[in-house]
Amino acid sequence: CASLHIKSHNMSKLADKFVDLTALRYVFIRRGRLETLPNNMEKLRDINRFDISFNRLEEFNVDVLGWKQLNELSLKYNSITKHNKNMWQHKELVNLMINNNNIIKII
């Protein structure tokens, strides 16, 4: 298992090959200008904690139901207006932090 911790960065996007890091369990990418995530984020099946707070994301279109072990998802302080509806259906997700976004409707 592996973790990735990046704080105060200047990346606006992650490389497409990021999704090949399938051993990741904890992702922490905070305080930057991240605007988009790569396609196929669902390939990171072993994610337990995913924190991309304090960035500039406008979409979180990741079907987290494939992340069977996910128990913490932090998307706070972004500009998210679009999200995958399955975020609300995950049975293991205990901590969901989405405050200070533009999510108007819980699907």
N, C-alpha and C. Protein backbone atom coordinates (compact mmCIF):
# COMPACT_ATOMS: atom_id res chain seq x y z
N CYS A 1 0.84 -1.18 0.00
CA CYS A 1 0.00 0.00 0.00
C CYS A 1 0.89 1.24 0.00
N ALA A 2 0.34 2.35 -0.49
CA ALA A 2 1.13 3.58 -0.64
C ALA A 2 0.25 4.79 -0.37
N SER A 3 0.92 5.90 -0.07
CA SER A 3 0.20 7.16 0.11
C SER A 3 0.91 8.26 -0.66
N LEU A 4 0.16 9.28 -1.01
CA LEU A 4 0.68 10.43 -1.72
C LEU A 4 0.25 11.67 -0.96
N HIS A 5 1.23 12.49 -0.59
CA HIS A 5 0.96 13.68 0.19
C HIS A 5 1.61 14.88 -0.49
N ILE A 6 0.78 15.79 -1.03
CA ILE A 6 1.26 16.99 -1.70
C ILE A 6 0.52 18.18 -1.12
N LYS A 7 1.26 19.15 -0.64
CA LYS A 7 0.64 20.32 -0.04
C LYS A 7 1.26 21.58 -0.65
N SER A 8 0.44 22.59 -0.89
CA SER A 8 0.87 23.86 -1.46
C SER A 8 1.58 23.64 -2.80
N HIS A 9 0.82 23.22 -3.77
CA HIS A 9 1.35 22.88 -5.09
C HIS A 9 0.87 23.88 -6.13
N ASN A 10 1.39 23.75 -7.36
CA ASN A 10 0.94 24.62 -8.45
C ASN A 10 0.47 23.82 -9.66
N MET A 11 0.07 22.58 -9.47
CA MET A 11 -0.43 21.74 -10.57
C MET A 11 -1.88 22.07 -10.87
N SER A 12 -2.21 22.23 -12.14
CA SER A 12 -3.60 22.44 -12.50
C SER A 12 -4.28 21.12 -12.89
N LYS A 13 -3.47 20.10 -13.18
CA LYS A 13 -4.03 18.78 -13.46
C LYS A 13 -2.99 17.72 -13.11
N LEU A 14 -3.47 16.51 -12.96
CA LEU A 14 -2.60 15.36 -12.71
C LEU A 14 -2.35 14.64 -14.03
N ALA A 15 -1.22 14.00 -14.14
CA ALA A 15 -0.90 13.24 -15.35
C ALA A 15 -1.91 12.11 -15.55
N ASP A 16 -2.19 11.79 -16.79
CA ASP A 16 -3.12 10.70 -17.10
C ASP A 16 -2.68 9.38 -16.48
N LYS A 17 -1.36 9.18 -16.34
CA LYS A 17 -0.83 7.94 -15.77
C LYS A 17 -1.00 7.87 -14.25
N PHE A 18 -1.50 8.92 -13.64
CA PHE A 18 -1.76 8.91 -12.20
C PHE A 18 -2.63 7.72 -11.81
N VAL A 19 -3.59 7.37 -12.66
CA VAL A 19 -4.51 6.28 -12.36
C VAL A 19 -3.84 4.91 -12.40
N ASP A 20 -2.60 4.86 -12.86
CA ASP A 20 -1.86 3.60 -12.85
C ASP A 20 -1.21 3.32 -11.50
N LEU A 21 -1.30 4.26 -10.58
CA LEU A 21 -0.75 4.07 -9.23
C LEU A 21 -1.77 3.31 -8.38
N THR A 22 -2.05 2.11 -8.77
CA THR A 22 -3.16 1.34 -8.19
C THR A 22 -2.91 0.88 -6.75
N ALA A 23 -1.71 1.03 -6.23
CA ALA A 23 -1.43 0.65 -4.84
C ALA A 23 -1.78 1.77 -3.87
N LEU A 24 -2.19 2.93 -4.38
CA LEU A 24 -2.50 4.05 -3.50
C LEU A 24 -3.66 3.74 -2.57
N ARG A 25 -3.47 4.06 -1.29
CA ARG A 25 -4.54 3.93 -0.30
C ARG A 25 -4.96 5.30 0.23
N TYR A 26 -4.01 6.24 0.25
CA TYR A 26 -4.29 7.56 0.80
C TYR A 26 -3.76 8.61 -0.17
N VAL A 27 -4.63 9.50 -0.61
CA VAL A 27 -4.25 10.60 -1.49
C VAL A 27 -4.58 11.91 -0.79
N PHE A 28 -3.59 12.78 -0.68
CA PHE A 28 -3.73 14.08 -0.04
C PHE A 28 -3.07 15.10 -0.97
N ILE A 29 -3.90 15.87 -1.67
CA ILE A 29 -3.39 16.91 -2.57
C ILE A 29 -4.16 18.18 -2.22
N ARG A 30 -3.55 19.03 -1.44
CA ARG A 30 -4.23 20.20 -0.89
C ARG A 30 -3.53 21.51 -1.24
N ARG A 31 -4.32 22.56 -1.15
CA ARG A 31 -3.85 23.94 -1.27
C ARG A 31 -3.08 24.22 -2.55
N GLY A 32 -3.83 24.11 -3.64
CA GLY A 32 -3.21 24.37 -4.93
C GLY A 32 -4.24 24.81 -5.95
N ARG A 33 -3.87 24.67 -7.20
CA ARG A 33 -4.78 25.11 -8.27
C ARG A 33 -5.25 23.95 -9.14
N LEU A 34 -5.38 22.77 -8.54
CA LEU A 34 -5.85 21.60 -9.25
C LEU A 34 -7.27 21.84 -9.77
N GLU A 35 -7.44 21.74 -11.10
CA GLU A 35 -8.72 22.04 -11.73
C GLU A 35 -9.43 20.79 -12.24
N THR A 36 -8.68 19.77 -12.61
CA THR A 36 -9.30 18.56 -13.15
C THR A 36 -8.58 17.32 -12.65
N LEU A 37 -9.32 16.22 -12.66
CA LEU A 37 -8.76 14.91 -12.34
C LEU A 37 -8.69 14.09 -13.62
N PRO A 38 -7.76 13.15 -13.70
CA PRO A 38 -7.69 12.31 -14.90
C PRO A 38 -8.92 11.42 -15.06
N ASN A 39 -9.15 10.97 -16.26
CA ASN A 39 -10.20 9.97 -16.50
C ASN A 39 -9.80 8.66 -15.83
N ASN A 40 -10.76 7.84 -15.57
CA ASN A 40 -10.55 6.49 -15.03
C ASN A 40 -10.02 6.47 -13.61
N MET A 41 -10.37 7.45 -12.81
CA MET A 41 -9.94 7.46 -11.40
C MET A 41 -10.46 6.23 -10.66
N GLU A 42 -11.48 5.59 -11.19
CA GLU A 42 -12.05 4.39 -10.58
C GLU A 42 -11.03 3.25 -10.51
N LYS A 43 -9.97 3.33 -11.30
CA LYS A 43 -8.93 2.29 -11.28
C LYS A 43 -8.19 2.25 -9.93
N LEU A 44 -8.29 3.30 -9.14
CA LEU A 44 -7.61 3.35 -7.84
C LEU A 44 -8.49 2.65 -6.80
N ARG A 45 -8.72 1.38 -6.98
CA ARG A 45 -9.70 0.62 -6.20
C ARG A 45 -9.41 0.50 -4.71
N ASP A 46 -8.16 0.66 -4.30
CA ASP A 46 -7.80 0.46 -2.90
C ASP A 46 -7.81 1.74 -2.07
N ILE A 47 -8.29 2.82 -2.64
CA ILE A 47 -8.32 4.10 -1.91
C ILE A 47 -9.16 3.98 -0.64
N ASN A 48 -8.59 4.44 0.46
CA ASN A 48 -9.26 4.47 1.76
C ASN A 48 -9.59 5.91 2.15
N ARG A 49 -8.64 6.81 1.91
CA ARG A 49 -8.83 8.24 2.22
C ARG A 49 -8.41 9.04 1.00
N PHE A 50 -9.29 9.96 0.58
CA PHE A 50 -9.02 10.78 -0.60
C PHE A 50 -9.34 12.22 -0.25
N ASP A 51 -8.32 13.06 -0.23
CA ASP A 51 -8.47 14.46 0.18
C ASP A 51 -7.86 15.38 -0.88
N ILE A 52 -8.71 16.10 -1.57
CA ILE A 52 -8.24 17.08 -2.56
C ILE A 52 -8.88 18.44 -2.24
N SER A 53 -8.83 18.81 -1.00
CA SER A 53 -9.42 20.05 -0.52
C SER A 53 -8.57 21.26 -0.88
N PHE A 54 -9.22 22.42 -0.87
CA PHE A 54 -8.55 23.70 -1.10
C PHE A 54 -7.87 23.76 -2.46
N ASN A 55 -8.60 23.34 -3.50
CA ASN A 55 -8.12 23.42 -4.87
C ASN A 55 -9.14 24.19 -5.69
N ARG A 56 -9.15 23.96 -6.99
CA ARG A 56 -10.06 24.67 -7.89
C ARG A 56 -10.91 23.72 -8.73
N LEU A 57 -11.19 22.55 -8.21
CA LEU A 57 -11.98 21.57 -8.95
C LEU A 57 -13.40 22.07 -9.18
N GLU A 58 -13.89 21.87 -10.39
CA GLU A 58 -15.27 22.22 -10.71
C GLU A 58 -16.14 20.98 -10.85
N GLU A 59 -15.50 19.83 -11.03
CA GLU A 59 -16.22 18.56 -11.17
C GLU A 59 -15.55 17.48 -10.35
N PHE A 60 -16.38 16.61 -9.79
CA PHE A 60 -15.87 15.38 -9.18
C PHE A 60 -16.72 14.25 -9.75
N ASN A 61 -16.37 13.83 -10.94
CA ASN A 61 -17.15 12.82 -11.64
C ASN A 61 -16.49 11.45 -11.53
N VAL A 62 -16.26 11.04 -10.31
CA VAL A 62 -15.63 9.76 -10.02
C VAL A 62 -16.69 8.85 -9.39
N ASP A 63 -16.86 7.67 -9.94
CA ASP A 63 -17.79 6.71 -9.37
C ASP A 63 -17.09 6.00 -8.22
N VAL A 64 -17.27 6.49 -7.02
CA VAL A 64 -16.55 5.99 -5.85
C VAL A 64 -17.06 4.63 -5.36
N LEU A 65 -18.12 4.11 -5.94
CA LEU A 65 -18.59 2.78 -5.53
C LEU A 65 -17.55 1.70 -5.81
N GLY A 66 -16.66 1.95 -6.77
CA GLY A 66 -15.57 1.03 -7.05
C GLY A 66 -14.46 1.09 -6.01
N TRP A 67 -14.46 2.15 -5.22
CA TRP A 67 -13.48 2.29 -4.14
C TRP A 67 -14.10 1.65 -2.89
N LYS A 68 -14.08 0.35 -2.84
CA LYS A 68 -14.78 -0.42 -1.80
C LYS A 68 -14.35 -0.08 -0.38
N GLN A 69 -13.09 0.31 -0.18
CA GLN A 69 -12.57 0.56 1.16
C GLN A 69 -12.61 2.04 1.56
N LEU A 70 -13.18 2.88 0.72
CA LEU A 70 -13.21 4.31 0.99
C LEU A 70 -14.02 4.60 2.25
N ASN A 71 -13.39 5.31 3.21
CA ASN A 71 -14.17 5.74 4.37
C ASN A 71 -14.07 7.24 4.61
N GLU A 72 -13.17 7.94 3.89
CA GLU A 72 -13.08 9.39 4.04
C GLU A 72 -12.86 10.05 2.68
N LEU A 73 -13.76 10.98 2.35
CA LEU A 73 -13.67 11.72 1.10
C LEU A 73 -13.79 13.21 1.43
N SER A 74 -12.74 13.95 1.17
CA SER A 74 -12.73 15.38 1.48
C SER A 74 -12.53 16.18 0.20
N LEU A 75 -13.56 16.93 -0.16
CA LEU A 75 -13.55 17.75 -1.36
C LEU A 75 -13.79 19.22 -1.01
N LYS A 76 -13.66 19.57 0.23
CA LYS A 76 -14.04 20.91 0.70
C LYS A 76 -13.18 22.01 0.09
N TYR A 77 -13.78 23.18 0.03
CA TYR A 77 -13.12 24.39 -0.48
C TYR A 77 -12.60 24.22 -1.90
N ASN A 78 -13.49 23.81 -2.80
CA ASN A 78 -13.24 23.76 -4.23
C ASN A 78 -14.34 24.59 -4.88
N SER A 79 -14.59 24.37 -6.14
CA SER A 79 -15.68 25.06 -6.86
C SER A 79 -16.56 24.04 -7.55
N ILE A 80 -16.78 22.91 -6.90
CA ILE A 80 -17.49 21.79 -7.50
C ILE A 80 -18.97 22.12 -7.71
N THR A 81 -19.40 21.97 -8.95
CA THR A 81 -20.82 22.13 -9.29
C THR A 81 -21.40 20.81 -9.80
N LYS A 82 -20.55 19.93 -10.33
CA LYS A 82 -20.99 18.64 -10.86
C LYS A 82 -20.28 17.52 -10.11
N HIS A 83 -21.05 16.49 -9.78
CA HIS A 83 -20.47 15.35 -9.08
C HIS A 83 -21.20 14.07 -9.47
N ASN A 84 -20.56 12.95 -9.23
CA ASN A 84 -21.15 11.65 -9.50
C ASN A 84 -22.16 11.33 -8.41
N LYS A 85 -23.35 10.94 -8.79
CA LYS A 85 -24.42 10.67 -7.82
C LYS A 85 -24.09 9.53 -6.86
N ASN A 86 -23.19 8.63 -7.23
CA ASN A 86 -22.85 7.50 -6.37
C ASN A 86 -22.10 7.91 -5.11
N MET A 87 -21.66 9.15 -5.07
CA MET A 87 -21.00 9.65 -3.87
C MET A 87 -21.93 9.51 -2.65
N TRP A 88 -23.22 9.60 -2.89
CA TRP A 88 -24.21 9.53 -1.80
C TRP A 88 -24.62 8.10 -1.47
N GLN A 89 -24.21 7.12 -2.28
CA GLN A 89 -24.65 5.74 -2.12
C GLN A 89 -23.62 4.82 -1.46
N HIS A 90 -22.40 5.30 -1.26
CA HIS A 90 -21.30 4.45 -0.77
C HIS A 90 -21.59 3.96 0.65
N LYS A 91 -21.53 2.66 0.86
CA LYS A 91 -21.89 2.08 2.15
C LYS A 91 -20.80 2.18 3.22
N GLU A 92 -19.55 2.30 2.83
CA GLU A 92 -18.44 2.37 3.78
C GLU A 92 -17.99 3.79 4.08
N LEU A 93 -18.44 4.74 3.30
CA LEU A 93 -18.01 6.13 3.45
C LEU A 93 -18.57 6.72 4.74
N VAL A 94 -17.69 7.04 5.68
CA VAL A 94 -18.09 7.56 6.98
C VAL A 94 -17.96 9.08 7.03
N ASN A 95 -16.88 9.61 6.48
CA ASN A 95 -16.62 11.06 6.51
C ASN A 95 -16.66 11.61 5.09
N LEU A 96 -17.67 12.42 4.83
CA LEU A 96 -17.81 13.09 3.54
C LEU A 96 -17.80 14.58 3.80
N MET A 97 -16.74 15.24 3.37
CA MET A 97 -16.59 16.68 3.60
C MET A 97 -16.65 17.41 2.26
N ILE A 98 -17.74 18.12 2.04
CA ILE A 98 -17.94 18.81 0.76
C ILE A 98 -18.30 20.27 0.96
N ASN A 99 -18.10 20.79 2.14
CA ASN A 99 -18.48 22.18 2.41
C ASN A 99 -17.70 23.17 1.55
N ASN A 100 -18.28 24.31 1.36
CA ASN A 100 -17.70 25.41 0.58
C ASN A 100 -17.42 25.03 -0.88
N ASN A 101 -18.43 24.44 -1.50
CA ASN A 101 -18.45 24.16 -2.93
C ASN A 101 -19.73 24.78 -3.48
N ASN A 102 -20.04 24.51 -4.71
CA ASN A 102 -21.26 25.02 -5.33
C ASN A 102 -22.25 23.89 -5.63
N ILE A 103 -22.30 22.92 -4.74
CA ILE A 103 -23.23 21.79 -4.91
C ILE A 103 -24.59 22.25 -4.43
N ILE A 104 -25.48 22.40 -5.38
CA ILE A 104 -26.81 22.92 -5.07
C ILE A 104 -27.78 21.81 -4.74
N LYS A 105 -27.64 20.69 -5.43
CA LYS A 105 -28.61 19.62 -5.31
C LYS A 105 -27.92 18.31 -4.95
N ILE A 106 -28.40 17.66 -3.92
CA ILE A 106 -27.91 16.35 -3.55
C ILE A 106 -28.72 15.35 -4.36
N ILE A 107 -28.05 14.60 -5.22
CA ILE A 107 -28.73 13.68 -6.14
C ILE A 107 -29.05 12.39 -5.43
